[in-house]
């Protein structure tokens, strides 16, 4: 009997310690997430609502100071139908901006007539079409073999991009391509800014890419449904000792 009571007492103590660790883990995660959300709010603009980005479930928070979407795409005229979305967020004073080109495979509405093929430019591979467009904008080739993979992550959330940097005389252009050939959403984020703004923009661009989202995740973000504990989002790490 005494042995059984001792075993029960030991088990109870183990559960109390384990639950205490679980509580501390969750509390620390919550505090860290609150700090991270403050960093986002301090460095990024609030995503505009009721835009074609929201309708297409593409969630983007531009670096602070970049306003938009502007009425006209800020880089150059795009062939009609080449992309589904052409949006720009501009800092008029510093002559910098974030430009987005995207294609989104959305379910077709019933009884909706198809667009006139003659009115739309032919579409090729998304990456090739984006880089070809940028070649015309900046007057230089973008070698696809030089595309590198970069992952921007925080907690359990992770975004993977194909990226390339173009150094011009007075400007730097950073291109981030999101989505595979089979992905419903394909997005190009093009950061164009004076070289003297590079250091001040670097951390803001990283935060923009970390918080970027598409599909259901973007829908949740627009709805304000952000997981309180980013460490567990998407099957992240469990607290030490498991969950009680």
Protein backbone atom coordinates (compact mmCIF):
# COMPACT_ATOMS: atom_id res chain seq x y z
CA UNK A 1 0.00 0.00 0.00
CA UNK A 2 2.78 2.38 0.98
CA UNK A 3 4.59 1.60 -2.26
CA UNK A 4 1.46 2.35 -4.29
CA UNK A 5 0.98 5.69 -2.48
CA UNK A 6 4.62 6.60 -3.09
CA UNK A 7 4.28 5.79 -6.78
CA UNK A 8 1.09 7.87 -7.01
CA UNK A 9 2.77 10.79 -5.24
CA UNK A 10 5.76 10.62 -7.60
CA UNK A 11 3.47 10.53 -10.63
CA UNK A 12 1.49 13.52 -9.34
CA UNK A 13 4.69 15.47 -8.76
CA UNK A 14 5.87 14.64 -12.29
CA UNK A 15 2.58 15.85 -13.76
CA UNK A 16 2.70 19.08 -11.77
CA UNK A 17 6.28 19.79 -12.90
CA UNK A 18 5.44 18.89 -16.50
CA UNK A 19 2.35 21.10 -16.57
CA UNK A 20 4.38 23.91 -15.04
CA UNK A 21 6.94 23.62 -17.81
CA UNK A 22 4.15 23.55 -20.39
CA UNK A 23 2.65 26.73 -18.90
CA UNK A 24 6.03 28.50 -18.92
CA UNK A 25 6.63 27.41 -22.50
CA UNK A 26 3.27 28.75 -23.67
CA UNK A 27 3.66 31.95 -21.70
CA UNK A 28 7.11 32.61 -23.19
CA UNK A 29 5.79 31.85 -26.67
CA UNK A 30 2.93 34.30 -26.17
CA UNK A 31 5.30 37.03 -24.97
CA UNK A 32 7.68 36.41 -27.88
CA UNK A 33 4.80 36.53 -30.34
CA UNK A 34 3.52 39.82 -28.90
CA UNK A 35 6.99 41.31 -29.32
CA UNK A 36 7.18 39.99 -32.87
CA UNK A 37 3.76 41.44 -33.73
CA UNK A 38 4.98 44.80 -32.40
CA UNK A 39 8.05 44.57 -34.66
CA UNK A 40 5.77 43.91 -37.62
CA UNK A 41 3.55 46.87 -36.76
CA UNK A 42 6.53 49.17 -36.19
CA UNK A 43 8.19 48.29 -39.49
CA UNK A 44 5.38 47.37 -41.89
CA UNK A 45 2.24 49.02 -43.21
CA UNK A 46 -1.16 47.57 -42.43
CA UNK A 47 -2.26 45.49 -45.43
CA UNK A 48 -4.88 47.37 -47.46
CA UNK A 49 -8.33 45.81 -47.41
CA UNK A 50 -10.87 45.39 -50.21
CA UNK A 51 -8.21 45.13 -52.90
CA UNK A 52 -7.54 42.55 -55.61
CA UNK A 53 -4.79 41.19 -53.34
CA UNK A 54 -7.30 40.37 -50.62
CA UNK A 55 -9.79 38.99 -53.15
CA UNK A 56 -7.05 36.69 -54.47
CA UNK A 57 -5.90 35.69 -50.96
CA UNK A 58 -2.45 37.24 -51.23
CA UNK A 59 -1.37 38.85 -47.96
CA UNK A 60 1.38 41.48 -48.19
CA UNK A 61 2.50 44.06 -45.65
CA UNK A 62 4.80 46.57 -47.42
CA UNK A 63 7.67 48.19 -45.53
CA UNK A 64 6.70 51.32 -43.59
CA UNK A 65 6.40 54.36 -45.83
CA UNK A 66 5.32 52.48 -48.97
CA UNK A 67 1.75 53.51 -49.76
CA UNK A 68 -0.66 51.85 -52.15
CA UNK A 69 -1.76 50.10 -54.15
CA UNK A 70 -1.32 52.99 -56.55
CA UNK A 71 -3.79 53.51 -59.38
CA UNK A 72 -1.08 52.82 -61.96
CA UNK A 73 1.56 50.10 -61.83
CA UNK A 74 4.81 51.86 -60.94
CA UNK A 75 7.38 50.12 -63.16
CA UNK A 76 6.07 50.12 -66.74
CA UNK A 77 3.04 49.29 -68.82
CA UNK A 78 2.23 45.58 -68.65
CA UNK A 79 0.71 43.72 -71.58
CA UNK A 80 -3.00 43.17 -70.85
CA UNK A 81 -3.63 39.67 -69.55
CA UNK A 82 0.04 38.86 -68.94
CA UNK A 83 -0.57 38.81 -65.18
CA UNK A 84 -3.66 38.79 -62.99
CA UNK A 85 -2.35 41.37 -60.52
CA UNK A 86 -0.05 44.35 -61.06
CA UNK A 87 0.22 46.46 -57.90
CA UNK A 88 2.72 49.02 -56.61
CA UNK A 89 3.40 50.50 -53.18
CA UNK A 90 5.47 53.67 -53.44
CA UNK A 91 7.48 56.00 -51.22
CA UNK A 92 7.18 59.22 -53.22
CA UNK A 93 9.87 61.07 -51.24
CA UNK A 94 12.59 58.43 -51.41
CA UNK A 95 11.67 57.12 -54.86
CA UNK A 96 11.48 53.54 -53.66
CA UNK A 97 8.80 50.94 -54.00
CA UNK A 98 7.46 47.41 -53.80
CA UNK A 99 5.93 46.11 -57.03
CA UNK A 100 3.90 42.92 -57.26
CA UNK A 101 3.11 40.75 -60.25
CA UNK A 102 0.94 37.70 -59.67
CA UNK A 103 -1.04 34.94 -61.29
CA UNK A 104 -3.81 33.24 -59.37
CA UNK A 105 -5.69 30.13 -60.44
CA UNK A 106 -9.11 30.82 -58.96
CA UNK A 107 -12.18 28.64 -59.51
CA UNK A 108 -14.15 29.98 -62.46
CA UNK A 109 -17.55 31.42 -61.62
CA UNK A 110 -20.45 29.48 -63.21
CA UNK A 111 -21.96 30.94 -66.40
CA UNK A 112 -19.12 33.45 -66.64
CA UNK A 113 -17.98 34.03 -70.20
CA UNK A 114 -14.35 33.40 -70.97
CA UNK A 115 -12.19 36.37 -71.82
CA UNK A 116 -11.52 37.11 -75.46
CA UNK A 117 -8.19 35.37 -76.21
CA UNK A 118 -7.31 38.08 -78.73
CA UNK A 119 -7.42 40.69 -75.95
CA UNK A 120 -4.89 38.93 -73.74
CA UNK A 121 -1.15 38.58 -74.15
CA UNK A 122 0.16 35.02 -74.41
CA UNK A 123 1.42 33.58 -71.13
CA UNK A 124 4.53 31.52 -70.74
CA UNK A 125 6.35 30.32 -67.64
CA UNK A 126 5.68 32.77 -64.80
CA UNK A 127 9.34 33.21 -63.81
CA UNK A 128 10.43 33.68 -67.42
CA UNK A 129 7.66 36.21 -68.07
CA UNK A 130 8.54 38.21 -64.93
CA UNK A 131 12.25 38.33 -65.73
CA UNK A 132 11.56 39.20 -69.36
CA UNK A 133 9.37 42.09 -68.20
CA UNK A 134 12.09 43.30 -65.82
CA UNK A 135 14.66 43.08 -68.62
CA UNK A 136 12.59 45.60 -70.56
CA UNK A 137 12.18 47.81 -67.48
CA UNK A 138 15.83 47.96 -66.43
CA UNK A 139 17.53 47.26 -69.75
CA UNK A 140 19.51 44.31 -68.47
CA UNK A 141 19.31 40.52 -68.54
CA UNK A 142 18.33 38.46 -65.51
CA UNK A 143 20.14 35.14 -65.74
CA UNK A 144 17.78 32.47 -64.34
CA UNK A 145 20.77 30.29 -63.45
CA UNK A 146 21.69 32.89 -60.84
CA UNK A 147 18.40 32.54 -58.99
CA UNK A 148 19.02 31.47 -55.40
CA UNK A 149 16.64 29.94 -52.89
CA UNK A 150 15.99 31.90 -49.71
CA UNK A 151 13.72 30.90 -46.85
CA UNK A 152 12.18 33.52 -44.61
CA UNK A 153 10.75 32.07 -41.43
CA UNK A 154 9.57 32.85 -37.93
CA UNK A 155 8.36 30.29 -35.43
CA UNK A 156 6.59 27.53 -37.30
CA UNK A 157 5.88 29.71 -40.35
CA UNK A 158 8.18 29.53 -43.38
CA UNK A 159 8.16 31.05 -46.89
CA UNK A 160 10.53 29.91 -49.63
CA UNK A 161 11.51 32.26 -52.49
CA UNK A 162 13.67 32.21 -55.59
CA UNK A 163 15.61 35.46 -55.43
CA UNK A 164 17.98 37.65 -57.41
CA UNK A 165 19.62 41.03 -56.86
CA UNK A 166 20.31 43.63 -59.54
CA UNK A 167 22.80 46.41 -58.78
CA UNK A 168 22.29 49.52 -60.86
CA UNK A 169 24.21 52.76 -60.72
CA UNK A 170 22.01 54.47 -58.13
CA UNK A 171 19.48 51.74 -57.30
CA UNK A 172 19.28 48.20 -56.08
CA UNK A 173 16.54 45.84 -57.18
CA UNK A 174 15.71 42.67 -55.24
CA UNK A 175 13.35 40.16 -56.83
CA UNK A 176 11.59 37.44 -54.83
CA UNK A 177 9.57 34.80 -56.68
CA UNK A 178 7.08 32.72 -54.72
CA UNK A 179 5.27 29.59 -55.87
CA UNK A 180 6.08 26.51 -57.93
CA UNK A 181 4.77 25.79 -61.43
CA UNK A 182 1.85 23.83 -59.98
CA UNK A 183 1.05 26.37 -57.25
CA UNK A 184 -2.35 28.13 -57.48
CA UNK A 185 -0.64 31.41 -56.50
CA UNK A 186 2.53 32.66 -58.16
CA UNK A 187 3.80 36.01 -56.92
CA UNK A 188 6.79 38.22 -57.74
CA UNK A 189 7.75 40.80 -55.13
CA UNK A 190 10.08 43.40 -56.62
CA UNK A 191 11.79 45.82 -54.23
CA UNK A 192 13.25 48.84 -56.04
CA UNK A 193 15.05 51.45 -53.92
CA UNK A 194 18.00 53.90 -53.83
CA UNK A 195 21.20 52.24 -52.65
CA UNK A 196 21.48 54.58 -49.67
CA UNK A 197 18.22 53.09 -48.34
CA UNK A 198 19.52 49.51 -48.48
CA UNK A 199 20.54 49.18 -44.82
CA UNK A 200 17.40 50.79 -43.41
CA UNK A 201 15.15 48.66 -45.62
CA UNK A 202 16.88 45.31 -45.13
CA UNK A 203 15.14 44.27 -41.91
CA UNK A 204 11.79 45.62 -43.14
CA UNK A 205 12.02 43.58 -46.32
CA UNK A 206 12.77 40.45 -44.27
CA UNK A 207 9.72 41.07 -42.08
CA UNK A 208 7.59 41.67 -45.16
CA UNK A 209 8.67 38.33 -46.60
CA UNK A 210 8.22 36.49 -43.28
CA UNK A 211 4.65 37.74 -42.89
CA UNK A 212 3.75 37.14 -46.56
CA UNK A 213 1.00 34.57 -47.07
CA UNK A 214 -1.26 33.11 -49.75
CA UNK A 215 -4.37 30.95 -49.87
CA UNK A 216 -6.09 29.94 -46.64
CA UNK A 217 -3.23 31.34 -44.56
CA UNK A 218 -3.72 34.75 -46.22
CA UNK A 219 -7.47 34.55 -45.60
CA UNK A 220 -6.81 33.91 -41.93
CA UNK A 221 -4.37 36.83 -41.76
CA UNK A 222 -6.85 39.25 -43.36
CA UNK A 223 -9.46 38.03 -40.89
CA UNK A 224 -7.14 38.74 -37.97
CA UNK A 225 -6.94 35.06 -37.06
CA UNK A 226 -3.29 34.85 -36.08
CA UNK A 227 -2.16 31.87 -34.00
CA UNK A 228 -1.14 33.09 -30.57
CA UNK A 229 1.80 30.72 -30.44
CA UNK A 230 3.78 30.85 -33.66
CA UNK A 231 6.09 28.11 -32.40
CA UNK A 232 3.26 25.59 -32.76
CA UNK A 233 1.85 26.90 -36.03
CA UNK A 234 1.98 24.38 -38.83
CA UNK A 235 3.04 21.54 -36.56
CA UNK A 236 5.88 23.33 -34.79
CA UNK A 237 7.82 22.06 -31.82
CA UNK A 238 5.97 20.85 -28.76
CA UNK A 239 6.85 22.05 -25.26
CA UNK A 240 9.39 19.99 -23.29
CA UNK A 241 7.77 16.90 -21.83
CA UNK A 242 4.81 16.93 -24.23
CA UNK A 243 1.36 18.47 -23.87
CA UNK A 244 -0.73 18.07 -20.71
